[in-house]
Amino acid sequence: MPDFSPLMDGIDAVVAEIDVHCDCLAQDLLPDDREHIERNLAGGCARGLMLIALHQQLLNIQLDRMVLDQLVEAD
């Protein structure tokens, strides 16, 4: 069974980054500050979506492996 801890750590880091940016956007910022944060938030969201996609692929692989194992045991 693969170790999920690095993936989960990455997801936690992305969520924390998004939380920080959203908190910053809620504050009274100058327009230049707000643009900089929004630009960085897009990168954080992209990383988060990539981690979600990787996690989904990993789950698909595990499910396929479980099905194959059950088919082998049934023979």
PDB file of N, CA and C in Angstrom:
ATOM      1  N   MET A   1       0.857  -1.181   0.000  1.00  0.00           N
ATOM      2  CA  MET A   1       0.000   0.000   0.000  1.00  0.00           C
ATOM      3  C   MET A   1       0.898   1.238   0.000  1.00  0.00           C
ATOM      4  N   PRO A   2       0.675   2.180  -0.921  1.00  0.00           N
ATOM      5  CA  PRO A   2       1.512   3.382  -0.964  1.00  0.00           C
ATOM      6  C   PRO A   2       1.300   4.270   0.265  1.00  0.00           C
ATOM      7  N   ASP A   3       2.301   5.056   0.540  1.00  0.00           N
ATOM      8  CA  ASP A   3       2.250   5.995   1.664  1.00  0.00           C
ATOM      9  C   ASP A   3       1.581   7.286   1.196  1.00  0.00           C
ATOM     10  N   PHE A   4       0.460   7.636   1.792  1.00  0.00           N
ATOM     11  CA  PHE A   4      -0.295   8.820   1.401  1.00  0.00           C
ATOM     12  C   PHE A   4       0.142  10.089   2.121  1.00  0.00           C
ATOM     13  N   SER A   5       1.010   9.969   3.101  1.00  0.00           N
ATOM     14  CA  SER A   5       1.340  11.138   3.921  1.00  0.00           C
ATOM     15  C   SER A   5       1.941  12.298   3.110  1.00  0.00           C
ATOM     16  N   PRO A   6       2.828  12.068   2.134  1.00  0.00           N
ATOM     17  CA  PRO A   6       3.314  13.224   1.365  1.00  0.00           C
ATOM     18  C   PRO A   6       2.198  13.922   0.585  1.00  0.00           C
ATOM     19  N   LEU A   7       1.288  13.155   0.032  1.00  0.00           N
ATOM     20  CA  LEU A   7       0.172  13.738  -0.706  1.00  0.00           C
ATOM     21  C   LEU A   7      -0.729  14.529   0.231  1.00  0.00           C
ATOM     22  N   MET A   8      -1.023  13.966   1.389  1.00  0.00           N
ATOM     23  CA  MET A   8      -1.877  14.659   2.351  1.00  0.00           C
ATOM     24  C   MET A   8      -1.198  15.921   2.885  1.00  0.00           C
ATOM     25  N   ASP A   9       0.115  15.856   3.096  1.00  0.00           N
ATOM     26  CA  ASP A   9       0.856  17.047   3.523  1.00  0.00           C
ATOM     27  C   ASP A   9       0.775  18.136   2.466  1.00  0.00           C
ATOM     28  N   GLY A  10       0.879  17.736   1.199  1.00  0.00           N
ATOM     29  CA  GLY A  10       0.780  18.706   0.108  1.00  0.00           C
ATOM     30  C   GLY A  10      -0.592  19.339   0.047  1.00  0.00           C
ATOM     31  N   ILE A  11      -1.624  18.539   0.202  1.00  0.00           N
ATOM     32  CA  ILE A  11      -2.990  19.071   0.181  1.00  0.00           C
ATOM     33  C   ILE A  11      -3.203  20.022   1.348  1.00  0.00           C
ATOM     34  N   ASP A  12      -2.723  19.645   2.534  1.00  0.00           N
ATOM     35  CA  ASP A  12      -2.849  20.524   3.702  1.00  0.00           C
ATOM     36  C   ASP A  12      -2.130  21.852   3.472  1.00  0.00           C
ATOM     37  N   ALA A  13      -0.964  21.797   2.841  1.00  0.00           N
ATOM     38  CA  ALA A  13      -0.209  23.029   2.571  1.00  0.00           C
ATOM     39  C   ALA A  13      -0.950  23.925   1.601  1.00  0.00           C
ATOM     40  N   VAL A  14      -1.559  23.338   0.583  1.00  0.00           N
ATOM     41  CA  VAL A  14      -2.313  24.143  -0.388  1.00  0.00           C
ATOM     42  C   VAL A  14      -3.535  24.771   0.274  1.00  0.00           C
ATOM     43  N   VAL A  15      -4.247  24.002   1.080  1.00  0.00           N
ATOM     44  CA  VAL A  15      -5.411  24.545   1.774  1.00  0.00           C
ATOM     45  C   VAL A  15      -4.996  25.687   2.700  1.00  0.00           C
ATOM     46  N   ALA A  16      -3.890  25.524   3.398  1.00  0.00           N
ATOM     47  CA  ALA A  16      -3.395  26.584   4.281  1.00  0.00           C
ATOM     48  C   ALA A  16      -3.034  27.825   3.475  1.00  0.00           C
ATOM     49  N   GLU A  17      -2.415  27.634   2.315  1.00  0.00           N
ATOM     50  CA  GLU A  17      -2.053  28.770   1.467  1.00  0.00           C
ATOM     51  C   GLU A  17      -3.296  29.505   0.984  1.00  0.00           C
ATOM     52  N   ILE A  18      -4.299  28.767   0.563  1.00  0.00           N
ATOM     53  CA  ILE A  18      -5.539  29.394   0.103  1.00  0.00           C
ATOM     54  C   ILE A  18      -6.210  30.142   1.253  1.00  0.00           C
ATOM     55  N   ASP A  19      -6.223  29.556   2.451  1.00  0.00           N
ATOM     56  CA  ASP A  19      -6.805  30.225   3.614  1.00  0.00           C
ATOM     57  C   ASP A  19      -6.106  31.546   3.897  1.00  0.00           C
ATOM     58  N   VAL A  20      -4.773  31.545   3.836  1.00  0.00           N
ATOM     59  CA  VAL A  20      -4.013  32.772   4.091  1.00  0.00           C
ATOM     60  C   VAL A  20      -4.367  33.833   3.061  1.00  0.00           C
ATOM     61  N   HIS A  21      -4.397  33.447   1.804  1.00  0.00           N
ATOM     62  CA  HIS A  21      -4.707  34.426   0.765  1.00  0.00           C
ATOM     63  C   HIS A  21      -6.124  34.957   0.894  1.00  0.00           C
ATOM     64  N   CYS A  22      -7.068  34.086   1.216  1.00  0.00           N
ATOM     65  CA  CYS A  22      -8.452  34.536   1.369  1.00  0.00           C
ATOM     66  C   CYS A  22      -8.585  35.475   2.558  1.00  0.00           C
ATOM     67  N   ASP A  23      -7.867  35.183   3.650  1.00  0.00           N
ATOM     68  CA  ASP A  23      -7.881  36.093   4.801  1.00  0.00           C
ATOM     69  C   ASP A  23      -7.289  37.437   4.425  1.00  0.00           C
ATOM     70  N   CYS A  24      -6.209  37.423   3.652  1.00  0.00           N
ATOM     71  CA  CYS A  24      -5.574  38.672   3.221  1.00  0.00           C
ATOM     72  C   CYS A  24      -6.501  39.471   2.311  1.00  0.00           C
ATOM     73  N   LEU A  25      -7.220  38.790   1.436  1.00  0.00           N
ATOM     74  CA  LEU A  25      -8.129  39.481   0.526  1.00  0.00           C
ATOM     75  C   LEU A  25      -9.287  40.129   1.273  1.00  0.00           C
ATOM     76  N   ALA A  26      -9.628  39.606   2.425  1.00  0.00           N
ATOM     77  CA  ALA A  26     -10.725  40.168   3.203  1.00  0.00           C
ATOM     78  C   ALA A  26     -10.310  41.438   3.937  1.00  0.00           C
ATOM     79  N   GLN A  27      -9.010  41.682   4.058  1.00  0.00           N
ATOM     80  CA  GLN A  27      -8.523  42.867   4.762  1.00  0.00           C
ATOM     81  C   GLN A  27      -8.583  44.083   3.843  1.00  0.00           C
ATOM     82  N   ASP A  28      -8.386  45.240   4.452  1.00  0.00           N
ATOM     83  CA  ASP A  28      -8.384  46.493   3.691  1.00  0.00           C
ATOM     84  C   ASP A  28      -7.007  46.677   3.071  1.00  0.00           C
ATOM     85  N   LEU A  29      -6.851  46.295   1.800  1.00  0.00           N
ATOM     86  CA  LEU A  29      -5.563  46.329   1.120  1.00  0.00           C
ATOM     87  C   LEU A  29      -5.565  47.364   0.010  1.00  0.00           C
ATOM     88  N   LEU A  30      -4.384  47.779  -0.361  1.00  0.00           N
ATOM     89  CA  LEU A  30      -4.237  48.650  -1.520  1.00  0.00           C
ATOM     90  C   LEU A  30      -4.513  47.843  -2.787  1.00  0.00           C
ATOM     91  N   PRO A  31      -4.936  48.496  -3.871  1.00  0.00           N
ATOM     92  CA  PRO A  31      -5.226  47.755  -5.108  1.00  0.00           C
ATOM     93  C   PRO A  31      -4.034  46.932  -5.622  1.00  0.00           C
ATOM     94  N   ASP A  32      -2.809  47.458  -5.489  1.00  0.00           N
ATOM     95  CA  ASP A  32      -1.639  46.697  -5.934  1.00  0.00           C
ATOM     96  C   ASP A  32      -1.444  45.436  -5.085  1.00  0.00           C
ATOM     97  N   ASP A  33      -1.666  45.551  -3.783  1.00  0.00           N
ATOM     98  CA  ASP A  33      -1.547  44.388  -2.905  1.00  0.00           C
ATOM     99  C   ASP A  33      -2.577  43.319  -3.279  1.00  0.00           C
ATOM    100  N   ARG A  34      -3.802  43.771  -3.519  1.00  0.00           N
ATOM    101  CA  ARG A  34      -4.881  42.844  -3.854  1.00  0.00           C
ATOM    102  C   ARG A  34      -4.577  42.111  -5.165  1.00  0.00           C
ATOM    103  N   GLU A  35      -4.070  42.813  -6.178  1.00  0.00           N
ATOM    104  CA  GLU A  35      -3.727  42.176  -7.455  1.00  0.00           C
ATOM    105  C   GLU A  35      -2.626  41.133  -7.270  1.00  0.00           C
ATOM    106  N   HIS A  36      -1.627  41.476  -6.451  1.00  0.00           N
ATOM    107  CA  HIS A  36      -0.524  40.532  -6.213  1.00  0.00           C
ATOM    108  C   HIS A  36      -1.036  39.256  -5.528  1.00  0.00           C
ATOM    109  N   ILE A  37      -1.879  39.425  -4.533  1.00  0.00           N
ATOM    110  CA  ILE A  37      -2.420  38.267  -3.815  1.00  0.00           C
ATOM    111  C   ILE A  37      -3.302  37.437  -4.735  1.00  0.00           C
ATOM    112  N   GLU A  38      -4.157  38.089  -5.540  1.00  0.00           N
ATOM    113  CA  GLU A  38      -5.024  37.345  -6.454  1.00  0.00           C
ATOM    114  C   GLU A  38      -4.211  36.562  -7.472  1.00  0.00           C
ATOM    115  N   ARG A  39      -3.127  37.143  -7.951  1.00  0.00           N
ATOM    116  CA  ARG A  39      -2.270  36.459  -8.923  1.00  0.00           C
ATOM    117  C   ARG A  39      -1.635  35.215  -8.286  1.00  0.00           C
ATOM    118  N   ASN A  40      -1.175  35.340  -7.044  1.00  0.00           N
ATOM    119  CA  ASN A  40      -0.571  34.201  -6.346  1.00  0.00           C
ATOM    120  C   ASN A  40      -1.617  33.162  -5.956  1.00  0.00           C
ATOM    121  N   LEU A  41      -2.823  33.610  -5.653  1.00  0.00           N
ATOM    122  CA  LEU A  41      -3.887  32.677  -5.296  1.00  0.00           C
ATOM    123  C   LEU A  41      -4.200  31.765  -6.469  1.00  0.00           C
ATOM    124  N   ALA A  42      -4.153  32.289  -7.687  1.00  0.00           N
ATOM    125  CA  ALA A  42      -4.428  31.454  -8.859  1.00  0.00           C
ATOM    126  C   ALA A  42      -3.420  30.306  -8.927  1.00  0.00           C
ATOM    127  N   GLY A  43      -2.154  30.593  -8.655  1.00  0.00           N
ATOM    128  CA  GLY A  43      -1.143  29.539  -8.643  1.00  0.00           C
ATOM    129  C   GLY A  43      -1.411  28.523  -7.550  1.00  0.00           C
ATOM    130  N   GLY A  44      -1.821  28.993  -6.389  1.00  0.00           N
ATOM    131  CA  GLY A  44      -2.143  28.096  -5.284  1.00  0.00           C
ATOM    132  C   GLY A  44      -3.336  27.212  -5.615  1.00  0.00           C
ATOM    133  N   CYS A  45      -4.329  27.793  -6.265  1.00  0.00           N
ATOM    134  CA  CYS A  45      -5.495  26.992  -6.668  1.00  0.00           C
ATOM    135  C   CYS A  45      -5.103  25.955  -7.700  1.00  0.00           C
ATOM    136  N   ALA A  46      -4.245  26.340  -8.632  1.00  0.00           N
ATOM    137  CA  ALA A  46      -3.798  25.379  -9.646  1.00  0.00           C
ATOM    138  C   ALA A  46      -3.058  24.216  -8.985  1.00  0.00           C
ATOM    139  N   ARG A  47      -2.190  24.519  -8.032  1.00  0.00           N
ATOM    140  CA  ARG A  47      -1.479  23.451  -7.324  1.00  0.00           C
ATOM    141  C   ARG A  47      -2.460  22.567  -6.556  1.00  0.00           C
ATOM    142  N   GLY A  48      -3.462  23.195  -5.950  1.00  0.00           N
ATOM    143  CA  GLY A  48      -4.464  22.423  -5.221  1.00  0.00           C
ATOM    144  C   GLY A  48      -5.239  21.494  -6.137  1.00  0.00           C
ATOM    145  N   LEU A  49      -5.625  21.997  -7.315  1.00  0.00           N
ATOM    146  CA  LEU A  49      -6.347  21.160  -8.262  1.00  0.00           C
ATOM    147  C   LEU A  49      -5.470  20.028  -8.779  1.00  0.00           C
ATOM    148  N   MET A  50      -4.184  20.297  -8.965  1.00  0.00           N
ATOM    149  CA  MET A  50      -3.275  19.244  -9.406  1.00  0.00           C
ATOM    150  C   MET A  50      -3.162  18.161  -8.338  1.00  0.00           C
ATOM    151  N   LEU A  51      -3.087  18.559  -7.074  1.00  0.00           N
ATOM    152  CA  LEU A  51      -3.017  17.575  -5.992  1.00  0.00           C
ATOM    153  C   LEU A  51      -4.295  16.752  -5.905  1.00  0.00           C
ATOM    154  N   ILE A  52      -5.429  17.413  -6.109  1.00  0.00           N
ATOM    155  CA  ILE A  52      -6.696  16.687  -6.093  1.00  0.00           C
ATOM    156  C   ILE A  52      -6.730  15.677  -7.233  1.00  0.00           C
ATOM    157  N   ALA A  53      -6.271  16.085  -8.418  1.00  0.00           N
ATOM    158  CA  ALA A  53      -6.243  15.176  -9.564  1.00  0.00           C
ATOM    159  C   ALA A  53      -5.313  13.999  -9.307  1.00  0.00           C
ATOM    160  N   LEU A  54      -4.141  14.273  -8.728  1.00  0.00           N
ATOM    161  CA  LEU A  54      -3.220  13.181  -8.404  1.00  0.00           C
ATOM    162  C   LEU A  54      -3.834  12.225  -7.392  1.00  0.00           C
ATOM    163  N   HIS A  55      -4.507  12.778  -6.414  1.00  0.00           N
ATOM    164  CA  HIS A  55      -5.151  11.947  -5.403  1.00  0.00           C
ATOM    165  C   HIS A  55      -6.221  11.075  -6.052  1.00  0.00           C
ATOM    166  N   GLN A  56      -6.992  11.661  -6.962  1.00  0.00           N
ATOM    167  CA  GLN A  56      -8.028  10.896  -7.652  1.00  0.00           C
ATOM    168  C   GLN A  56      -7.418   9.753  -8.465  1.00  0.00           C
ATOM    169  N   GLN A  57      -6.309  10.040  -9.147  1.00  0.00           N
ATOM    170  CA  GLN A  57      -5.633   8.999  -9.920  1.00  0.00           C
ATOM    171  C   GLN A  57      -5.141   7.878  -9.004  1.00  0.00           C
ATOM    172  N   LEU A  58      -4.594   8.256  -7.861  1.00  0.00           N
ATOM    173  CA  LEU A  58      -4.120   7.260  -6.909  1.00  0.00           C
ATOM    174  C   LEU A  58      -5.260   6.390  -6.414  1.00  0.00           C
ATOM    175  N   LEU A  59      -6.396   7.000  -6.116  1.00  0.00           N
ATOM    176  CA  LEU A  59      -7.556   6.224  -5.685  1.00  0.00           C
ATOM    177  C   LEU A  59      -8.035   5.283  -6.794  1.00  0.00           C
ATOM    178  N   ASN A  60      -8.011   5.765  -8.032  1.00  0.00           N
ATOM    179  CA  ASN A  60      -8.409   4.909  -9.156  1.00  0.00           C
ATOM    180  C   ASN A  60      -7.476   3.707  -9.280  1.00  0.00           C
ATOM    181  N   ILE A  61      -6.186   3.934  -9.123  1.00  0.00           N
ATOM    182  CA  ILE A  61      -5.217   2.839  -9.197  1.00  0.00           C
ATOM    183  C   ILE A  61      -5.470   1.834  -8.084  1.00  0.00           C
ATOM    184  N   GLN A  62      -5.727   2.340  -6.879  1.00  0.00           N
ATOM    185  CA  GLN A  62      -5.992   1.439  -5.756  1.00  0.00           C
ATOM    186  C   GLN A  62      -7.263   0.619  -5.981  1.00  0.00           C
ATOM    187  N   LEU A  63      -8.306   1.267  -6.505  1.00  0.00           N
ATOM    188  CA  LEU A  63      -9.537   0.529  -6.767  1.00  0.00           C
ATOM    189  C   LEU A  63      -9.320  -0.538  -7.838  1.00  0.00           C
ATOM    190  N   ASP A  64      -8.574  -0.179  -8.893  1.00  0.00           N
ATOM    191  CA  ASP A  64      -8.265  -1.168  -9.927  1.00  0.00           C
ATOM    192  C   ASP A  64      -7.489  -2.342  -9.345  1.00  0.00           C
ATOM    193  N   ARG A  65      -6.541  -2.044  -8.469  1.00  0.00           N
ATOM    194  CA  ARG A  65      -5.743  -3.100  -7.847  1.00  0.00           C
ATOM    195  C   ARG A  65      -6.614  -4.005  -6.975  1.00  0.00           C
ATOM    196  N   MET A  66      -7.559  -3.392  -6.254  1.00  0.00           N
ATOM    197  CA  MET A  66      -8.458  -4.183  -5.417  1.00  0.00           C
ATOM    198  C   MET A  66      -9.306  -5.119  -6.273  1.00  0.00           C
ATOM    199  N   VAL A  67      -9.813  -4.611  -7.395  1.00  0.00           N
ATOM    200  CA  VAL A  67     -10.630  -5.443  -8.280  1.00  0.00           C
ATOM    201  C   VAL A  67      -9.794  -6.583  -8.843  1.00  0.00           C
ATOM    202  N   LEU A  68      -8.580  -6.277  -9.273  1.00  0.00           N
ATOM    203  CA  LEU A  68      -7.705  -7.324  -9.809  1.00  0.00           C
ATOM    204  C   LEU A  68      -7.394  -8.366  -8.746  1.00  0.00           C
ATOM    205  N   ASP A  69      -7.130  -7.927  -7.534  1.00  0.00           N
ATOM    206  CA  ASP A  69      -6.853  -8.872  -6.455  1.00  0.00           C
ATOM    207  C   ASP A  69      -8.042  -9.786  -6.198  1.00  0.00           C
ATOM    208  N   GLN A  70      -9.241  -9.222  -6.236  1.00  0.00           N
ATOM    209  CA  GLN A  70     -10.436 -10.035  -6.027  1.00  0.00           C
ATOM    210  C   GLN A  70     -10.640 -11.025  -7.154  1.00  0.00           C
ATOM    211  N   LEU A  71     -10.334 -10.593  -8.392  1.00  0.00           N
ATOM    212  CA  LEU A  71     -10.460 -11.515  -9.527  1.00  0.00           C
ATOM    213  C   LEU A  71      -9.456 -12.652  -9.419  1.00  0.00           C
ATOM    214  N   VAL A  72      -8.247 -12.348  -8.985  1.00  0.00           N
ATOM    215  CA  VAL A  72      -7.224 -13.381  -8.829  1.00  0.00           C
ATOM    216  C   VAL A  72      -7.617 -14.359  -7.735  1.00  0.00           C
ATOM    217  N   GLU A  73      -8.152 -13.843  -6.636  1.00  0.00           N
ATOM    218  CA  GLU A  73      -8.562 -14.712  -5.531  1.00  0.00           C
ATOM    219  C   GLU A  73      -9.747 -15.586  -5.933  1.00  0.00           C
ATOM    220  N   ALA A  74     -10.601 -15.094  -6.810  1.00  0.00           N
ATOM    221  CA  ALA A  74     -11.800 -15.848  -7.222  1.00  0.00           C
ATOM    222  C   ALA A  74     -11.431 -17.032  -8.121  1.00  0.00           C
ATOM    223  N   ASP A  75     -10.271 -16.952  -8.799  1.00  0.00           N
ATOM    224  CA  ASP A  75      -9.870 -18.042  -9.698  1.00  0.00           C
ATOM    225  C   ASP A  75      -9.342 -19.230  -8.981  1.00  0.00           C
TER     226      ASP A  75
END
